[in-house]
Amino acid sequence: MSPSSSNDTLARLAEIIESRKGGDPDKSYVARLFSKGTDAILKKVGEEATETVMAAKDGDARKIVYEVADLWFHSMIALAQFGLKPADVLAELERREGLSGLEEFALRKAQAREEGQP
């Protein structure tokens, strides 16, 4: 799968998620999560993150992919809750491309100091 088709898949999924906002909670799982609010959405993200870690500890590749798909899906619902899209995350990843993790961490620390954050 090419990067552009991957981006297209994420964009299509984001459109579906967005279309379910305000939908009937009795007919749509996504609408039900949105109706329950931010805390319920974030709880699901946390649950899926934990399940991803557990699958990875088991070392079952199929289960890892399944759980990461759930984690990404619920993370996309969280993004939509805050008016964000997968493209925002992809842009951040592209910004970081070519930076070492240590360079990126140092840059974030410097930016936080400039903004007066600890």
PDB file of N, CA and C in Angstrom:
ATOM      1  N   MET A   1       0.854  -1.177   0.000  1.00  0.00           N
ATOM      2  CA  MET A   1       0.000   0.000   0.000  1.00  0.00           C
ATOM      3  C   MET A   1       0.895   1.234   0.000  1.00  0.00           C
ATOM      4  N   SER A   2       0.644   2.140  -0.909  1.00  0.00           N
ATOM      5  CA  SER A   2       1.459   3.345  -1.012  1.00  0.00           C
ATOM      6  C   SER A   2       1.074   4.335   0.080  1.00  0.00           C
ATOM      7  N   PRO A   3       2.018   5.245   0.409  1.00  0.00           N
ATOM      8  CA  PRO A   3       1.690   6.252   1.433  1.00  0.00           C
ATOM      9  C   PRO A   3       0.456   7.062   1.089  1.00  0.00           C
ATOM     10  N   SER A   4       0.271   7.405  -0.203  1.00  0.00           N
ATOM     11  CA  SER A   4      -0.902   8.216  -0.544  1.00  0.00           C
ATOM     12  C   SER A   4      -2.190   7.431  -0.345  1.00  0.00           C
ATOM     13  N   SER A   5      -2.182   6.116  -0.644  1.00  0.00           N
ATOM     14  CA  SER A   5      -3.410   5.358  -0.411  1.00  0.00           C
ATOM     15  C   SER A   5      -3.648   5.167   1.080  1.00  0.00           C
ATOM     16  N   SER A   6      -2.575   5.086   1.864  1.00  0.00           N
ATOM     17  CA  SER A   6      -2.721   5.029   3.325  1.00  0.00           C
ATOM     18  C   SER A   6      -3.344   6.315   3.844  1.00  0.00           C
ATOM     19  N   ASN A   7      -2.859   7.445   3.332  1.00  0.00           N
ATOM     20  CA  ASN A   7      -3.415   8.740   3.725  1.00  0.00           C
ATOM     21  C   ASN A   7      -4.869   8.835   3.305  1.00  0.00           C
ATOM     22  N   ASP A   8      -5.187   8.309   2.103  1.00  0.00           N
ATOM     23  CA  ASP A   8      -6.566   8.323   1.623  1.00  0.00           C
ATOM     24  C   ASP A   8      -7.465   7.494   2.534  1.00  0.00           C
ATOM     25  N   THR A   9      -6.972   6.340   2.974  1.00  0.00           N
ATOM     26  CA  THR A   9      -7.744   5.486   3.874  1.00  0.00           C
ATOM     27  C   THR A   9      -8.042   6.233   5.166  1.00  0.00           C
ATOM     28  N   LEU A  10      -7.037   6.871   5.733  1.00  0.00           N
ATOM     29  CA  LEU A  10      -7.242   7.643   6.965  1.00  0.00           C
ATOM     30  C   LEU A  10      -8.214   8.795   6.737  1.00  0.00           C
ATOM     31  N   ALA A  11      -8.087   9.487   5.609  1.00  0.00           N
ATOM     32  CA  ALA A  11      -8.978  10.613   5.312  1.00  0.00           C
ATOM     33  C   ALA A  11     -10.417  10.125   5.144  1.00  0.00           C
ATOM     34  N   ARG A  12     -10.609   9.001   4.439  1.00  0.00           N
ATOM     35  CA  ARG A  12     -11.968   8.461   4.268  1.00  0.00           C
ATOM     36  C   ARG A  12     -12.571   8.063   5.612  1.00  0.00           C
ATOM     37  N   LEU A  13     -11.775   7.402   6.445  1.00  0.00           N
ATOM     38  CA  LEU A  13     -12.251   6.997   7.765  1.00  0.00           C
ATOM     39  C   LEU A  13     -12.595   8.223   8.611  1.00  0.00           C
ATOM     40  N   ALA A  14     -11.766   9.253   8.531  1.00  0.00           N
ATOM     41  CA  ALA A  14     -12.041  10.487   9.276  1.00  0.00           C
ATOM     42  C   ALA A  14     -13.360  11.115   8.821  1.00  0.00           C
ATOM     43  N   GLU A  15     -13.643  11.068   7.520  1.00  0.00           N
ATOM     44  CA  GLU A  15     -14.906  11.609   7.002  1.00  0.00           C
ATOM     45  C   GLU A  15     -16.097  10.820   7.549  1.00  0.00           C
ATOM     46  N   ILE A  16     -15.955   9.503   7.604  1.00  0.00           N
ATOM     47  CA  ILE A  16     -17.035   8.670   8.141  1.00  0.00           C
ATOM     48  C   ILE A  16     -17.259   8.999   9.616  1.00  0.00           C
ATOM     49  N   ILE A  17     -16.167   9.091  10.371  1.00  0.00           N
ATOM     50  CA  ILE A  17     -16.270   9.422  11.798  1.00  0.00           C
ATOM     51  C   ILE A  17     -16.965  10.767  11.968  1.00  0.00           C
ATOM     52  N   GLU A  18     -16.537  11.756  11.180  1.00  0.00           N
ATOM     53  CA  GLU A  18     -17.128  13.101  11.267  1.00  0.00           C
ATOM     54  C   GLU A  18     -18.624  13.049  10.944  1.00  0.00           C
ATOM     55  N   SER A  19     -18.996  12.229   9.969  1.00  0.00           N
ATOM     56  CA  SER A  19     -20.404  12.145   9.570  1.00  0.00           C
ATOM     57  C   SER A  19     -21.277  11.507  10.649  1.00  0.00           C
ATOM     58  N   ARG A  20     -20.654  10.782  11.563  1.00  0.00           N
ATOM     59  CA  ARG A  20     -21.418  10.111  12.620  1.00  0.00           C
ATOM     60  C   ARG A  20     -21.636  11.009  13.845  1.00  0.00           C
ATOM     61  N   LYS A  21     -20.908  12.129  13.910  1.00  0.00           N
ATOM     62  CA  LYS A  21     -21.124  13.078  15.012  1.00  0.00           C
ATOM     63  C   LYS A  21     -22.577  13.519  14.979  1.00  0.00           C
ATOM     64  N   GLY A  22     -23.222  13.493  16.107  1.00  0.00           N
ATOM     65  CA  GLY A  22     -24.610  13.925  16.166  1.00  0.00           C
ATOM     66  C   GLY A  22     -25.585  12.909  15.597  1.00  0.00           C
ATOM     67  N   GLY A  23     -25.072  11.739  15.207  1.00  0.00           N
ATOM     68  CA  GLY A  23     -25.945  10.697  14.685  1.00  0.00           C
ATOM     69  C   GLY A  23     -26.712  10.007  15.807  1.00  0.00           C
ATOM     70  N   ASP A  24     -27.471   9.016  15.431  1.00  0.00           N
ATOM     71  CA  ASP A  24     -28.296   8.264  16.382  1.00  0.00           C
ATOM     72  C   ASP A  24     -27.428   7.285  17.161  1.00  0.00           C
ATOM     73  N   PRO A  25     -27.281   7.497  18.473  1.00  0.00           N
ATOM     74  CA  PRO A  25     -26.457   6.611  19.297  1.00  0.00           C
ATOM     75  C   PRO A  25     -26.950   5.164  19.326  1.00  0.00           C
ATOM     76  N   ASP A  26     -28.224   4.953  18.978  1.00  0.00           N
ATOM     77  CA  ASP A  26     -28.755   3.591  18.947  1.00  0.00           C
ATOM     78  C   ASP A  26     -28.391   2.861  17.652  1.00  0.00           C
ATOM     79  N   LYS A  27     -27.925   3.611  16.656  1.00  0.00           N
ATOM     80  CA  LYS A  27     -27.622   3.013  15.356  1.00  0.00           C
ATOM     81  C   LYS A  27     -26.144   3.062  14.996  1.00  0.00           C
ATOM     82  N   SER A  28     -25.341   3.796  15.771  1.00  0.00           N
ATOM     83  CA  SER A  28     -23.931   3.962  15.424  1.00  0.00           C
ATOM     84  C   SER A  28     -23.074   3.949  16.686  1.00  0.00           C
ATOM     85  N   TYR A  29     -22.091   3.057  16.691  1.00  0.00           N
ATOM     86  CA  TYR A  29     -21.139   2.990  17.805  1.00  0.00           C
ATOM     87  C   TYR A  29     -20.406   4.323  17.960  1.00  0.00           C
ATOM     88  N   VAL A  30     -19.979   4.904  16.826  1.00  0.00           N
ATOM     89  CA  VAL A  30     -19.251   6.174  16.864  1.00  0.00           C
ATOM     90  C   VAL A  30     -20.154   7.279  17.411  1.00  0.00           C
ATOM     91  N   ALA A  31     -21.392   7.331  16.952  1.00  0.00           N
ATOM     92  CA  ALA A  31     -22.334   8.341  17.464  1.00  0.00           C
ATOM     93  C   ALA A  31     -22.541   8.153  18.967  1.00  0.00           C
ATOM     94  N   ARG A  32     -22.593   6.900  19.410  1.00  0.00           N
ATOM     95  CA  ARG A  32     -22.765   6.622  20.837  1.00  0.00           C
ATOM     96  C   ARG A  32     -21.574   7.159  21.635  1.00  0.00           C
ATOM     97  N   LEU A  33     -20.350   6.944  21.128  1.00  0.00           N
ATOM     98  CA  LEU A  33     -19.170   7.470  21.836  1.00  0.00           C
ATOM     99  C   LEU A  33     -19.217   8.992  21.893  1.00  0.00           C
ATOM    100  N   PHE A  34     -19.519   9.635  20.758  1.00  0.00           N
ATOM    101  CA  PHE A  34     -19.612  11.099  20.756  1.00  0.00           C
ATOM    102  C   PHE A  34     -20.676  11.581  21.732  1.00  0.00           C
ATOM    103  N   SER A  35     -21.797  10.884  21.819  1.00  0.00           N
ATOM    104  CA  SER A  35     -22.879  11.313  22.709  1.00  0.00           C
ATOM    105  C   SER A  35     -22.481  11.197  24.175  1.00  0.00           C
ATOM    106  N   LYS A  36     -21.567  10.270  24.472  1.00  0.00           N
ATOM    107  CA  LYS A  36     -21.107  10.089  25.854  1.00  0.00           C
ATOM    108  C   LYS A  36     -20.059  11.121  26.258  1.00  0.00           C
ATOM    109  N   GLY A  37     -19.440  11.768  25.279  1.00  0.00           N
ATOM    110  CA  GLY A  37     -18.514  12.852  25.572  1.00  0.00           C
ATOM    111  C   GLY A  37     -17.047  12.463  25.618  1.00  0.00           C
ATOM    112  N   THR A  38     -16.244  13.481  25.872  1.00  0.00           N
ATOM    113  CA  THR A  38     -14.788  13.360  25.823  1.00  0.00           C
ATOM    114  C   THR A  38     -14.253  12.289  26.758  1.00  0.00           C
ATOM    115  N   ASP A  39     -14.734  12.252  27.995  1.00  0.00           N
ATOM    116  CA  ASP A  39     -14.193  11.270  28.945  1.00  0.00           C
ATOM    117  C   ASP A  39     -14.377   9.840  28.458  1.00  0.00           C
ATOM    118  N   ALA A  40     -15.532   9.528  27.880  1.00  0.00           N
ATOM    119  CA  ALA A  40     -15.791   8.178  27.365  1.00  0.00           C
ATOM    120  C   ALA A  40     -14.876   7.863  26.189  1.00  0.00           C
ATOM    121  N   ILE A  41     -14.670   8.842  25.322  1.00  0.00           N
ATOM    122  CA  ILE A  41     -13.788   8.653  24.170  1.00  0.00           C
ATOM    123  C   ILE A  41     -12.360   8.389  24.649  1.00  0.00           C
ATOM    124  N   LEU A  42     -11.896   9.204  25.577  1.00  0.00           N
ATOM    125  CA  LEU A  42     -10.522   9.050  26.072  1.00  0.00           C
ATOM    126  C   LEU A  42     -10.342   7.741  26.843  1.00  0.00           C
ATOM    127  N   LYS A  43     -11.372   7.312  27.535  1.00  0.00           N
ATOM    128  CA  LYS A  43     -11.314   6.026  28.231  1.00  0.00           C
ATOM    129  C   LYS A  43     -11.116   4.895  27.226  1.00  0.00           C
ATOM    130  N   LYS A  44     -11.834   4.961  26.090  1.00  0.00           N
ATOM    131  CA  LYS A  44     -11.676   3.938  25.053  1.00  0.00           C
ATOM    132  C   LYS A  44     -10.263   3.955  24.478  1.00  0.00           C
ATOM    133  N   VAL A  45      -9.698   5.141  24.266  1.00  0.00           N
ATOM    134  CA  VAL A  45      -8.328   5.238  23.760  1.00  0.00           C
ATOM    135  C   VAL A  45      -7.376   4.560  24.748  1.00  0.00           C
ATOM    136  N   GLY A  46      -7.571   4.831  26.035  1.00  0.00           N
ATOM    137  CA  GLY A  46      -6.729   4.204  27.058  1.00  0.00           C
ATOM    138  C   GLY A  46      -6.878   2.694  27.080  1.00  0.00           C
ATOM    139  N   GLU A  47      -8.105   2.211  26.963  1.00  0.00           N
ATOM    140  CA  GLU A  47      -8.339   0.760  26.942  1.00  0.00           C
ATOM    141  C   GLU A  47      -7.647   0.115  25.744  1.00  0.00           C
ATOM    142  N   GLU A  48      -7.772   0.756  24.588  1.00  0.00           N
ATOM    143  CA  GLU A  48      -7.169   0.199  23.381  1.00  0.00           C
ATOM    144  C   GLU A  48      -5.643   0.248  23.450  1.00  0.00           C
ATOM    145  N   ALA A  49      -5.095   1.285  24.066  1.00  0.00           N
ATOM    146  CA  ALA A  49      -3.641   1.363  24.235  1.00  0.00           C
ATOM    147  C   ALA A  49      -3.154   0.213  25.120  1.00  0.00           C
ATOM    148  N   THR A  50      -3.892  -0.053  26.191  1.00  0.00           N
ATOM    149  CA  THR A  50      -3.533  -1.158  27.092  1.00  0.00           C
ATOM    150  C   THR A  50      -3.622  -2.499  26.362  1.00  0.00           C
ATOM    151  N   GLU A  51      -4.680  -2.675  25.574  1.00  0.00           N
ATOM    152  CA  GLU A  51      -4.828  -3.926  24.821  1.00  0.00           C
ATOM    153  C   GLU A  51      -3.715  -4.083  23.788  1.00  0.00           C
ATOM    154  N   THR A  52      -3.260  -2.970  23.216  1.00  0.00           N
ATOM    155  CA  THR A  52      -2.143  -3.017  22.264  1.00  0.00           C
ATOM    156  C   THR A  52      -0.868  -3.473  22.963  1.00  0.00           C
ATOM    157  N   VAL A  53      -0.610  -2.934  24.122  1.00  0.00           N
ATOM    158  CA  VAL A  53       0.573  -3.328  24.893  1.00  0.00           C
ATOM    159  C   VAL A  53       0.503  -4.808  25.257  1.00  0.00           C
ATOM    160  N   MET A  54      -0.654  -5.257  25.692  1.00  0.00           N
ATOM    161  CA  MET A  54      -0.805  -6.670  26.072  1.00  0.00           C
ATOM    162  C   MET A  54      -0.598  -7.586  24.867  1.00  0.00           C
ATOM    163  N   ALA A  55      -1.121  -7.204  23.703  1.00  0.00           N
ATOM    164  CA  ALA A  55      -0.931  -8.002  22.488  1.00  0.00           C
ATOM    165  C   ALA A  55       0.548  -8.055  22.120  1.00  0.00           C
ATOM    166  N   ALA A  56       1.230  -6.924  22.258  1.00  0.00           N
ATOM    167  CA  ALA A  56       2.658  -6.889  21.935  1.00  0.00           C
ATOM    168  C   ALA A  56       3.457  -7.766  22.896  1.00  0.00           C
ATOM    169  N   LYS A  57       3.081  -7.755  24.158  1.00  0.00           N
ATOM    170  CA  LYS A  57       3.776  -8.611  25.127  1.00  0.00           C
ATOM    171  C   LYS A  57       3.569 -10.084  24.800  1.00  0.00           C
ATOM    172  N   ASP A  58       2.406 -10.427  24.232  1.00  0.00           N
ATOM    173  CA  ASP A  58       2.142 -11.809  23.818  1.00  0.00           C
ATOM    174  C   ASP A  58       2.920 -12.175  22.559  1.00  0.00           C
ATOM    175  N   GLY A  59       3.308 -11.161  21.780  1.00  0.00           N
ATOM    176  CA  GLY A  59       4.092 -11.394  20.576  1.00  0.00           C
ATOM    177  C   GLY A  59       3.328 -11.948  19.395  1.00  0.00           C
ATOM    178  N   ASP A  60       2.003 -11.876  19.431  1.00  0.00           N
ATOM    179  CA  ASP A  60       1.172 -12.389  18.347  1.00  0.00           C
ATOM    180  C   ASP A  60       0.961 -11.271  17.317  1.00  0.00           C
ATOM    181  N   ALA A  61       1.639 -11.369  16.168  1.00  0.00           N
ATOM    182  CA  ALA A  61       1.616 -10.301  15.160  1.00  0.00           C
ATOM    183  C   ALA A  61       0.199  -9.963  14.708  1.00  0.00           C
ATOM    184  N   ARG A  62      -0.620 -10.958  14.464  1.00  0.00           N
ATOM    185  CA  ARG A  62      -2.000 -10.730  14.013  1.00  0.00           C
ATOM    186  C   ARG A  62      -2.786  -9.934  15.058  1.00  0.00           C
ATOM    187  N   LYS A  63      -2.613 -10.315  16.324  1.00  0.00           N
ATOM    188  CA  LYS A  63      -3.318  -9.634  17.417  1.00  0.00           C
ATOM    189  C   LYS A  63      -2.796  -8.202  17.596  1.00  0.00           C
ATOM    190  N   ILE A  64      -1.507  -8.009  17.404  1.00  0.00           N
ATOM    191  CA  ILE A  64      -0.925  -6.662  17.517  1.00  0.00           C
ATOM    192  C   ILE A  64      -1.546  -5.752  16.461  1.00  0.00           C
ATOM    193  N   VAL A  65      -1.612  -6.224  15.213  1.00  0.00           N
ATOM    194  CA  VAL A  65      -2.191  -5.418  14.133  1.00  0.00           C
ATOM    195  C   VAL A  65      -3.647  -5.099  14.444  1.00  0.00           C
ATOM    196  N   TYR A  66      -4.397  -6.086  14.910  1.00  0.00           N
ATOM    197  CA  TYR A  66      -5.809  -5.890  15.249  1.00  0.00           C
ATOM    198  C   TYR A  66      -5.964  -4.810  16.324  1.00  0.00           C
ATOM    199  N   GLU A  67      -5.163  -4.905  17.378  1.00  0.00           N
ATOM    200  CA  GLU A  67      -5.286  -3.946  18.487  1.00  0.00           C
ATOM    201  C   GLU A  67      -4.798  -2.559  18.098  1.00  0.00           C
ATOM    202  N   VAL A  68      -3.752  -2.482  17.278  1.00  0.00           N
ATOM    203  CA  VAL A  68      -3.290  -1.167  16.825  1.00  0.00           C
ATOM    204  C   VAL A  68      -4.362  -0.529  15.942  1.00  0.00           C
ATOM    205  N   ALA A  69      -5.042  -1.328  15.124  1.00  0.00           N
ATOM    206  CA  ALA A  69      -6.143  -0.790  14.316  1.00  0.00           C
ATOM    207  C   ALA A  69      -7.228  -0.206  15.221  1.00  0.00           C
ATOM    208  N   ASP A  70      -7.563  -0.921  16.294  1.00  0.00           N
ATOM    209  CA  ASP A  70      -8.546  -0.390  17.257  1.00  0.00           C
ATOM    210  C   ASP A  70      -8.043   0.901  17.899  1.00  0.00           C
ATOM    211  N   LEU A  71      -6.767   0.924  18.258  1.00  0.00           N
ATOM    212  CA  LEU A  71      -6.178   2.112  18.888  1.00  0.00           C
ATOM    213  C   LEU A  71      -6.211   3.291  17.927  1.00  0.00           C
ATOM    214  N   TRP A  72      -5.818   3.078  16.681  1.00  0.00           N
ATOM    215  CA  TRP A  72      -5.845   4.159  15.701  1.00  0.00           C
ATOM    216  C   TRP A  72      -7.265   4.655  15.492  1.00  0.00           C
ATOM    217  N   PHE A  73      -8.208   3.728  15.357  1.00  0.00           N
ATOM    218  CA  PHE A  73      -9.604   4.100  15.141  1.00  0.00           C
ATOM    219  C   PHE A  73     -10.117   4.987  16.277  1.00  0.00           C
ATOM    220  N   HIS A  74      -9.897   4.554  17.513  1.00  0.00           N
ATOM    221  CA  HIS A  74     -10.386   5.329  18.648  1.00  0.00           C
ATOM    222  C   HIS A  74      -9.609   6.630  18.815  1.00  0.00           C
ATOM    223  N   SER A  75      -8.336   6.631  18.442  1.00  0.00           N
ATOM    224  CA  SER A  75      -7.559   7.874  18.459  1.00  0.00           C
ATOM    225  C   SER A  75      -8.117   8.861  17.439  1.00  0.00           C
ATOM    226  N   MET A  76      -8.583   8.340  16.303  1.00  0.00           N
ATOM    227  CA  MET A  76      -9.190   9.212  15.296  1.00  0.00           C
ATOM    228  C   MET A  76     -10.506   9.802  15.797  1.00  0.00           C
ATOM    229  N   ILE A  77     -11.243   9.048  16.582  1.00  0.00           N
ATOM    230  CA  ILE A  77     -12.460   9.588  17.192  1.00  0.00           C
ATOM    231  C   ILE A  77     -12.083  10.707  18.156  1.00  0.00           C
ATOM    232  N   ALA A  78     -11.013  10.503  18.931  1.00  0.00           N
ATOM    233  CA  ALA A  78     -10.541  11.552  19.843  1.00  0.00           C
ATOM    234  C   ALA A  78     -10.111  12.787  19.056  1.00  0.00           C
ATOM    235  N   LEU A  79      -9.392  12.600  17.963  1.00  0.00           N
ATOM    236  CA  LEU A  79      -9.004  13.745  17.139  1.00  0.00           C
ATOM    237  C   LEU A  79     -10.244  14.516  16.684  1.00  0.00           C
ATOM    238  N   ALA A  80     -11.248  13.787  16.186  1.00  0.00           N
ATOM    239  CA  ALA A  80     -12.471  14.425  15.703  1.00  0.00           C
ATOM    240  C   ALA A  80     -13.180  15.183  16.815  1.00  0.00           C
ATOM    241  N   GLN A  81     -13.116  14.651  18.019  1.00  0.00           N
ATOM    242  CA  GLN A  81     -13.754  15.318  19.169  1.00  0.00           C
ATOM    243  C   GLN A  81     -13.172  16.716  19.371  1.00  0.00           C
ATOM    244  N   PHE A  82     -11.899  16.876  19.004  1.00  0.00           N
ATOM    245  CA  PHE A  82     -11.220  18.155  19.198  1.00  0.00           C
ATOM    246  C   PHE A  82     -11.047  18.932  17.890  1.00  0.00           C
ATOM    247  N   GLY A  83     -11.800  18.522  16.864  1.00  0.00           N
ATOM    248  CA  GLY A  83     -11.760  19.246  15.592  1.00  0.00           C
ATOM    249  C   GLY A  83     -10.479  19.032  14.800  1.00  0.00           C
ATOM    250  N   LEU A  84      -9.803  17.920  15.054  1.00  0.00           N
ATOM    251  CA  LEU A  84      -8.548  17.616  14.367  1.00  0.00           C
ATOM    252  C   LEU A  84      -8.746  16.477  13.390  1.00  0.00           C
ATOM    253  N   LYS A  85      -7.798  16.328  12.469  1.00  0.00           N
ATOM    254  CA  LYS A  85      -7.871  15.298  11.438  1.00  0.00           C
ATOM    255  C   LYS A  85      -6.555  14.520  11.398  1.00  0.00           C
ATOM    256  N   PRO A  86      -6.580  13.329  10.803  1.00  0.00           N
ATOM    257  CA  PRO A  86      -5.332  12.570  10.657  1.00  0.00           C
ATOM    258  C   PRO A  86      -4.252  13.388   9.951  1.00  0.00           C
ATOM    259  N   ALA A  87      -4.638  14.252   9.017  1.00  0.00           N
ATOM    260  CA  ALA A  87      -3.662  15.088   8.307  1.00  0.00           C
ATOM    261  C   ALA A  87      -2.853  15.947   9.276  1.00  0.00           C
ATOM    262  N   ASP A  88      -3.464  16.355  10.398  1.00  0.00           N
ATOM    263  CA  ASP A  88      -2.738  17.145  11.394  1.00  0.00           C
ATOM    264  C   ASP A  88      -1.618  16.315  12.021  1.00  0.00           C
ATOM    265  N   VAL A  89      -1.903  15.052  12.295  1.00  0.00           N
ATOM    266  CA  VAL A  89      -0.902  14.156  12.879  1.00  0.00           C
ATOM    267  C   VAL A  89       0.166  13.833  11.842  1.00  0.00           C
ATOM    268  N   LEU A  90      -0.261  13.570  10.611  1.00  0.00           N
ATOM    269  CA  LEU A  90       0.704  13.277   9.550  1.00  0.00           C
ATOM    270  C   LEU A  90       1.638  14.460   9.317  1.00  0.00           C
ATOM    271  N   ALA A  91       1.109  15.672   9.378  1.00  0.00           N
ATOM    272  CA  ALA A  91       1.945  16.863   9.211  1.00  0.00           C
ATOM    273  C   ALA A  91       2.976  16.957  10.333  1.00  0.00           C
ATOM    274  N   GLU A  92       2.568  16.610  11.548  1.00  0.00           N
ATOM    275  CA  GLU A  92       3.514  16.634  12.672  1.00  0.00           C
ATOM    276  C   GLU A  92       4.595  15.567  12.482  1.00  0.00           C
ATOM    277  N   LEU A  93       4.199  14.383  12.025  1.00  0.00           N
ATOM    278  CA  LEU A  93       5.190  13.332  11.771  1.00  0.00           C
ATOM    279  C   LEU A  93       6.154  13.745  10.663  1.00  0.00           C
ATOM    280  N   GLU A  94       5.626  14.377   9.626  1.00  0.00           N
ATOM    281  CA  GLU A  94       6.492  14.862   8.547  1.00  0.00           C
ATOM    282  C   GLU A  94       7.444  15.932   9.056  1.00  0.00           C
ATOM    283  N   ARG A  95       6.964  16.788   9.957  1.00  0.00           N
ATOM    284  CA  ARG A  95       7.826  17.828  10.534  1.00  0.00           C
ATOM    285  C   ARG A  95       8.987  17.189  11.282  1.00  0.00           C
ATOM    286  N   ARG A  96       8.717  16.078  11.951  1.00  0.00           N
ATOM    287  CA  ARG A  96       9.743  15.402  12.745  1.00  0.00           C
ATOM    288  C   ARG A  96      10.685  14.549  11.905  1.00  0.00           C
ATOM    289  N   GLU A  97      10.276  14.235  10.684  1.00  0.00           N
ATOM    290  CA  GLU A  97      11.075  13.367   9.832  1.00  0.00           C
ATOM    291  C   GLU A  97      12.475  13.950   9.656  1.00  0.00           C
ATOM    292  N   GLY A  98      13.462  13.126   9.854  1.00  0.00           N
ATOM    293  CA  GLY A  98      14.844  13.571   9.715  1.00  0.00           C
ATOM    294  C   GLY A  98      15.455  14.088  11.006  1.00  0.00           C
ATOM    295  N   LEU A  99      14.628  14.328  12.012  1.00  0.00           N
ATOM    296  CA  LEU A  99      15.149  14.724  13.328  1.00  0.00           C
ATOM    297  C   LEU A  99      15.371  13.465  14.144  1.00  0.00           C
ATOM    298  N   SER A 100      16.433  13.451  14.885  1.00  0.00           N
ATOM    299  CA  SER A 100      16.579  12.330  15.813  1.00  0.00           C
ATOM    300  C   SER A 100      15.612  12.559  16.962  1.00  0.00           C
ATOM    301  N   GLY A 101      15.266  11.499  17.649  1.00  0.00           N
ATOM    302  CA  GLY A 101      14.378  11.636  18.800  1.00  0.00           C
ATOM    303  C   GLY A 101      14.936  12.582  19.844  1.00  0.00           C
ATOM    304  N   LEU A 102      16.239  12.548  20.021  1.00  0.00           N
ATOM    305  CA  LEU A 102      16.871  13.432  21.008  1.00  0.00           C
ATOM    306  C   LEU A 102      16.806  14.889  20.567  1.00  0.00           C
ATOM    307  N   GLU A 103      17.000  15.131  19.253  1.00  0.00           N
ATOM    308  CA  GLU A 103      16.899  16.497  18.743  1.00  0.00           C
ATOM    309  C   GLU A 103      15.472  17.023  18.906  1.00  0.00           C
ATOM    310  N   GLU A 104      14.501  16.179  18.580  1.00  0.00           N
ATOM    311  CA  GLU A 104      13.099  16.578  18.664  1.00  0.00           C
ATOM    312  C   GLU A 104      12.721  16.884  20.106  1.00  0.00           C
ATOM    313  N   PHE A 105      13.180  16.045  21.040  1.00  0.00           N
ATOM    314  CA  PHE A 105      12.899  16.261  22.456  1.00  0.00           C
ATOM    315  C   PHE A 105      13.529  17.568  22.929  1.00  0.00           C
ATOM    316  N   ALA A 106      14.768  17.842  22.531  1.00  0.00           N
ATOM    317  CA  ALA A 106      15.450  19.084  22.924  1.00  0.00           C
ATOM    318  C   ALA A 106      14.716  20.297  22.354  1.00  0.00           C
ATOM    319  N   LEU A 107      14.236  20.178  21.127  1.00  0.00           N
ATOM    320  CA  LEU A 107      13.493  21.271  20.497  1.00  0.00           C
ATOM    321  C   LEU A 107      12.205  21.558  21.252  1.00  0.00           C
ATOM    322  N   ARG A 108      11.478  20.506  21.623  1.00  0.00           N
ATOM    323  CA  ARG A 108      10.231  20.705  22.389  1.00  0.00           C
ATOM    324  C   ARG A 108      10.523  21.351  23.745  1.00  0.00           C
ATOM    325  N   LYS A 109      11.615  20.917  24.390  1.00  0.00           N
ATOM    326  CA  LYS A 109      11.990  21.487  25.694  1.00  0.00           C
ATOM    327  C   LYS A 109      12.297  22.972  25.561  1.00  0.00           C
ATOM    328  N   ALA A 110      13.034  23.345  24.528  1.00  0.00           N
ATOM    329  CA  ALA A 110      13.382  24.751  24.294  1.00  0.00           C
ATOM    330  C   ALA A 110      12.122  25.563  24.020  1.00  0.00           C
ATOM    331  N   GLN A 111      11.199  25.026  23.224  1.00  0.00           N
ATOM    332  CA  GLN A 111       9.956  25.732  22.917  1.00  0.00           C
ATOM    333  C   GLN A 111       9.123  25.915  24.184  1.00  0.00           C
ATOM    334  N   ALA A 112       9.081  24.916  25.041  1.00  0.00           N
ATOM    335  CA  ALA A 112       8.315  25.022  26.299  1.00  0.00           C
ATOM    336  C   ALA A 112       8.924  26.113  27.177  1.00  0.00           C
ATOM    337  N   ARG A 113      10.257  26.193  27.225  1.00  0.00           N
ATOM    338  CA  ARG A 113      10.912  27.238  28.030  1.00  0.00           C
ATOM    339  C   ARG A 113      10.554  28.628  27.497  1.00  0.00           C
ATOM    340  N   GLU A 114      10.548  28.757  26.167  1.00  0.00           N
ATOM    341  CA  GLU A 114      10.217  30.048  25.545  1.00  0.00           C
ATOM    342  C   GLU A 114       8.784  30.456  25.869  1.00  0.00           C
ATOM    343  N   GLU A 115       7.901  29.464  26.002  1.00  0.00           N
ATOM    344  CA  GLU A 115       6.494  29.740  26.287  1.00  0.00           C
ATOM    345  C   GLU A 115       6.239  29.850  27.792  1.00  0.00           C
ATOM    346  N   GLY A 116       7.297  29.719  28.589  1.00  0.00           N
ATOM    347  CA  GLY A 116       7.175  29.840  30.035  1.00  0.00           C
ATOM    348  C   GLY A 116       6.632  28.629  30.731  1.00  0.00           C
ATOM    349  N   GLN A 117       6.667  27.473  30.073  1.00  0.00           N
ATOM    350  CA  GLN A 117       6.207  26.232  30.687  1.00  0.00           C
ATOM    351  C   GLN A 117       7.400  25.540  31.328  1.00  0.00           C
ATOM    352  N   PRO A 118       7.130  24.761  32.401  1.00  0.00           N
ATOM    353  CA  PRO A 118       8.240  24.067  33.069  1.00  0.00           C
ATOM    354  C   PRO A 118       8.881  23.007  32.198  1.00  0.00           C
TER     355      PRO A 118
END
